[in-house]
């Protein structure tokens, strides 16, 4: 060992009969508690995510039920600014219309 260097050694007394516990003893006892707290936090986040997912699925179900009626789904609206050129007539049938317009 170099004469100019110093070395510090710390000894901790382990608890014996009637001895006080050391900080290391407390750290060992806290490990399971910290693990349980971490699991609780993880489960809380998962519960929140499942709640969000349920809300989105409820909205999707509501929208799907609204589309269940084809009359609402296929409802269209049309209008003409100049009925001398095009007149819009309402019918219950669905028809394809092809117009050839000349400029």
C-alpha atoms as a PDB file:
ATOM      1  CA  UNK A   1       0.000   0.000   0.000  1.00  0.00           C
ATOM      2  CA  UNK A   2       1.222   3.491  -0.842  1.00  0.00           C
ATOM      3  CA  UNK A   3       2.173   5.427   2.324  1.00  0.00           C
ATOM      4  CA  UNK A   4       0.294   8.554   1.130  1.00  0.00           C
ATOM      5  CA  UNK A   5      -3.047   6.811   0.459  1.00  0.00           C
ATOM      6  CA  UNK A   6      -5.581   6.042   3.128  1.00  0.00           C
ATOM      7  CA  UNK A   7      -8.232   3.428   3.202  1.00  0.00           C
ATOM      8  CA  UNK A   8     -11.491   3.697   5.079  1.00  0.00           C
ATOM      9  CA  UNK A   9     -13.326   0.591   6.167  1.00  0.00           C
ATOM     10  CA  UNK A  10     -16.755   0.776   7.738  1.00  0.00           C
ATOM     11  CA  UNK A  11     -18.036  -2.120   9.747  1.00  0.00           C
ATOM     12  CA  UNK A  12     -21.694  -2.548  10.517  1.00  0.00           C
ATOM     13  CA  UNK A  13     -22.820  -4.526  13.474  1.00  0.00           C
ATOM     14  CA  UNK A  14     -25.394  -7.156  12.521  1.00  0.00           C
ATOM     15  CA  UNK A  15     -28.335  -7.361  14.861  1.00  0.00           C
ATOM     16  CA  UNK A  16     -28.026 -10.095  17.334  1.00  0.00           C
ATOM     17  CA  UNK A  17     -30.232 -10.940  20.238  1.00  0.00           C
ATOM     18  CA  UNK A  18     -31.505  -7.573  21.424  1.00  0.00           C
ATOM     19  CA  UNK A  19     -29.520  -5.692  18.752  1.00  0.00           C
ATOM     20  CA  UNK A  20     -30.920  -2.888  16.613  1.00  0.00           C
ATOM     21  CA  UNK A  21     -31.678  -3.576  12.926  1.00  0.00           C
ATOM     22  CA  UNK A  22     -29.449  -1.873  10.381  1.00  0.00           C
ATOM     23  CA  UNK A  23     -30.596   0.197   7.394  1.00  0.00           C
ATOM     24  CA  UNK A  24     -29.725  -2.775   5.175  1.00  0.00           C
ATOM     25  CA  UNK A  25     -32.232  -4.864   7.138  1.00  0.00           C
ATOM     26  CA  UNK A  26     -34.941  -2.292   6.478  1.00  0.00           C
ATOM     27  CA  UNK A  27     -34.093  -2.209   2.751  1.00  0.00           C
ATOM     28  CA  UNK A  28     -34.508  -5.979   2.525  1.00  0.00           C
ATOM     29  CA  UNK A  29     -37.885  -5.791   4.233  1.00  0.00           C
ATOM     30  CA  UNK A  30     -39.049  -2.968   1.932  1.00  0.00           C
ATOM     31  CA  UNK A  31     -38.389  -4.892  -1.318  1.00  0.00           C
ATOM     32  CA  UNK A  32     -41.666  -6.854  -1.306  1.00  0.00           C
ATOM     33  CA  UNK A  33     -43.589  -3.690  -0.419  1.00  0.00           C
ATOM     34  CA  UNK A  34     -42.022  -1.796  -3.332  1.00  0.00           C
ATOM     35  CA  UNK A  35     -42.780  -4.703  -5.686  1.00  0.00           C
ATOM     36  CA  UNK A  36     -46.431  -4.707  -4.603  1.00  0.00           C
ATOM     37  CA  UNK A  37     -46.672  -0.932  -5.030  1.00  0.00           C
ATOM     38  CA  UNK A  38     -45.240  -1.243  -8.547  1.00  0.00           C
ATOM     39  CA  UNK A  39     -47.785  -3.962  -9.397  1.00  0.00           C
ATOM     40  CA  UNK A  40     -50.570  -1.780  -8.014  1.00  0.00           C
ATOM     41  CA  UNK A  41     -49.451   1.111 -10.237  1.00  0.00           C
ATOM     42  CA  UNK A  42     -49.282  -1.180 -13.288  1.00  0.00           C
ATOM     43  CA  UNK A  43     -52.747  -2.623 -12.615  1.00  0.00           C
ATOM     44  CA  UNK A  44     -54.129   0.891 -12.136  1.00  0.00           C
ATOM     45  CA  UNK A  45     -52.795   1.925 -15.560  1.00  0.00           C
ATOM     46  CA  UNK A  46     -54.226  -1.223 -17.159  1.00  0.00           C
ATOM     47  CA  UNK A  47     -57.602  -0.608 -15.528  1.00  0.00           C
ATOM     48  CA  UNK A  48     -57.619   2.923 -16.916  1.00  0.00           C
ATOM     49  CA  UNK A  49     -56.748   1.683 -20.413  1.00  0.00           C
ATOM     50  CA  UNK A  50     -59.513  -0.935 -20.291  1.00  0.00           C
ATOM     51  CA  UNK A  51     -61.938   1.777 -19.192  1.00  0.00           C
ATOM     52  CA  UNK A  52     -60.911   3.900 -22.189  1.00  0.00           C
ATOM     53  CA  UNK A  53     -61.291   0.897 -24.499  1.00  0.00           C
ATOM     54  CA  UNK A  54     -64.757   0.143 -23.104  1.00  0.00           C
ATOM     55  CA  UNK A  55     -65.825   3.740 -23.746  1.00  0.00           C
ATOM     56  CA  UNK A  56     -64.614   3.561 -27.345  1.00  0.00           C
ATOM     57  CA  UNK A  57     -66.351   0.229 -27.907  1.00  0.00           C
ATOM     58  CA  UNK A  58     -69.585   1.673 -26.505  1.00  0.00           C
ATOM     59  CA  UNK A  59     -69.350   4.559 -28.988  1.00  0.00           C
ATOM     60  CA  UNK A  60     -68.695   2.112 -31.827  1.00  0.00           C
ATOM     61  CA  UNK A  61     -71.682  -0.008 -30.779  1.00  0.00           C
ATOM     62  CA  UNK A  62     -73.923   3.059 -30.714  1.00  0.00           C
ATOM     63  CA  UNK A  63     -72.736   4.102 -34.194  1.00  0.00           C
ATOM     64  CA  UNK A  64     -73.236   0.568 -35.539  1.00  0.00           C
ATOM     65  CA  UNK A  65     -76.788   0.479 -34.166  1.00  0.00           C
ATOM     66  CA  UNK A  66     -77.500   3.797 -35.894  1.00  0.00           C
ATOM     67  CA  UNK A  67     -76.352   2.281 -39.198  1.00  0.00           C
ATOM     68  CA  UNK A  68     -78.526  -0.779 -38.656  1.00  0.00           C
ATOM     69  CA  UNK A  69     -81.431   0.981 -40.362  1.00  0.00           C
ATOM     70  CA  UNK A  70     -80.611   1.105 -44.067  1.00  0.00           C
ATOM     71  CA  UNK A  71     -83.129   3.877 -44.584  1.00  0.00           C
ATOM     72  CA  UNK A  72     -81.004   6.172 -42.445  1.00  0.00           C
ATOM     73  CA  UNK A  73     -77.784   4.894 -43.962  1.00  0.00           C
ATOM     74  CA  UNK A  74     -78.871   5.395 -47.553  1.00  0.00           C
ATOM     75  CA  UNK A  75     -80.615   8.695 -47.005  1.00  0.00           C
ATOM     76  CA  UNK A  76     -79.515  11.323 -49.494  1.00  0.00           C
ATOM     77  CA  UNK A  77     -80.294  14.925 -50.099  1.00  0.00           C
ATOM     78  CA  UNK A  78     -80.077  16.757 -53.392  1.00  0.00           C
ATOM     79  CA  UNK A  79     -81.011  20.233 -54.558  1.00  0.00           C
ATOM     80  CA  UNK A  80     -80.782  22.277 -57.709  1.00  0.00           C
ATOM     81  CA  UNK A  81     -80.041  25.966 -57.994  1.00  0.00           C
ATOM     82  CA  UNK A  82     -81.742  26.144 -61.390  1.00  0.00           C
ATOM     83  CA  UNK A  83     -84.629  23.706 -61.903  1.00  0.00           C
ATOM     84  CA  UNK A  84     -84.856  24.682 -65.576  1.00  0.00           C
ATOM     85  CA  UNK A  85     -81.608  22.767 -66.036  1.00  0.00           C
ATOM     86  CA  UNK A  86     -81.933  19.999 -63.408  1.00  0.00           C
ATOM     87  CA  UNK A  87     -84.945  19.095 -61.339  1.00  0.00           C
ATOM     88  CA  UNK A  88     -84.535  16.917 -58.273  1.00  0.00           C
ATOM     89  CA  UNK A  89     -87.324  14.409 -57.667  1.00  0.00           C
ATOM     90  CA  UNK A  90     -87.594  12.190 -54.592  1.00  0.00           C
ATOM     91  CA  UNK A  91     -88.305   8.484 -55.084  1.00  0.00           C
ATOM     92  CA  UNK A  92     -87.888   5.401 -52.904  1.00  0.00           C
ATOM     93  CA  UNK A  93     -85.825   3.624 -55.545  1.00  0.00           C
ATOM     94  CA  UNK A  94     -82.090   3.921 -55.918  1.00  0.00           C
ATOM     95  CA  UNK A  95     -81.126   4.721 -59.484  1.00  0.00           C
ATOM     96  CA  UNK A  96     -77.871   5.515 -61.130  1.00  0.00           C
ATOM     97  CA  UNK A  97     -77.987   8.603 -63.291  1.00  0.00           C
ATOM     98  CA  UNK A  98     -75.497   9.419 -65.964  1.00  0.00           C
ATOM     99  CA  UNK A  99     -75.577  12.847 -67.549  1.00  0.00           C
ATOM    100  CA  UNK A 100     -73.617  13.921 -70.573  1.00  0.00           C
ATOM    101  CA  UNK A 101     -73.333  17.674 -70.397  1.00  0.00           C
ATOM    102  CA  UNK A 102     -72.116  19.653 -73.344  1.00  0.00           C
ATOM    103  CA  UNK A 103     -70.307  22.865 -72.732  1.00  0.00           C
END
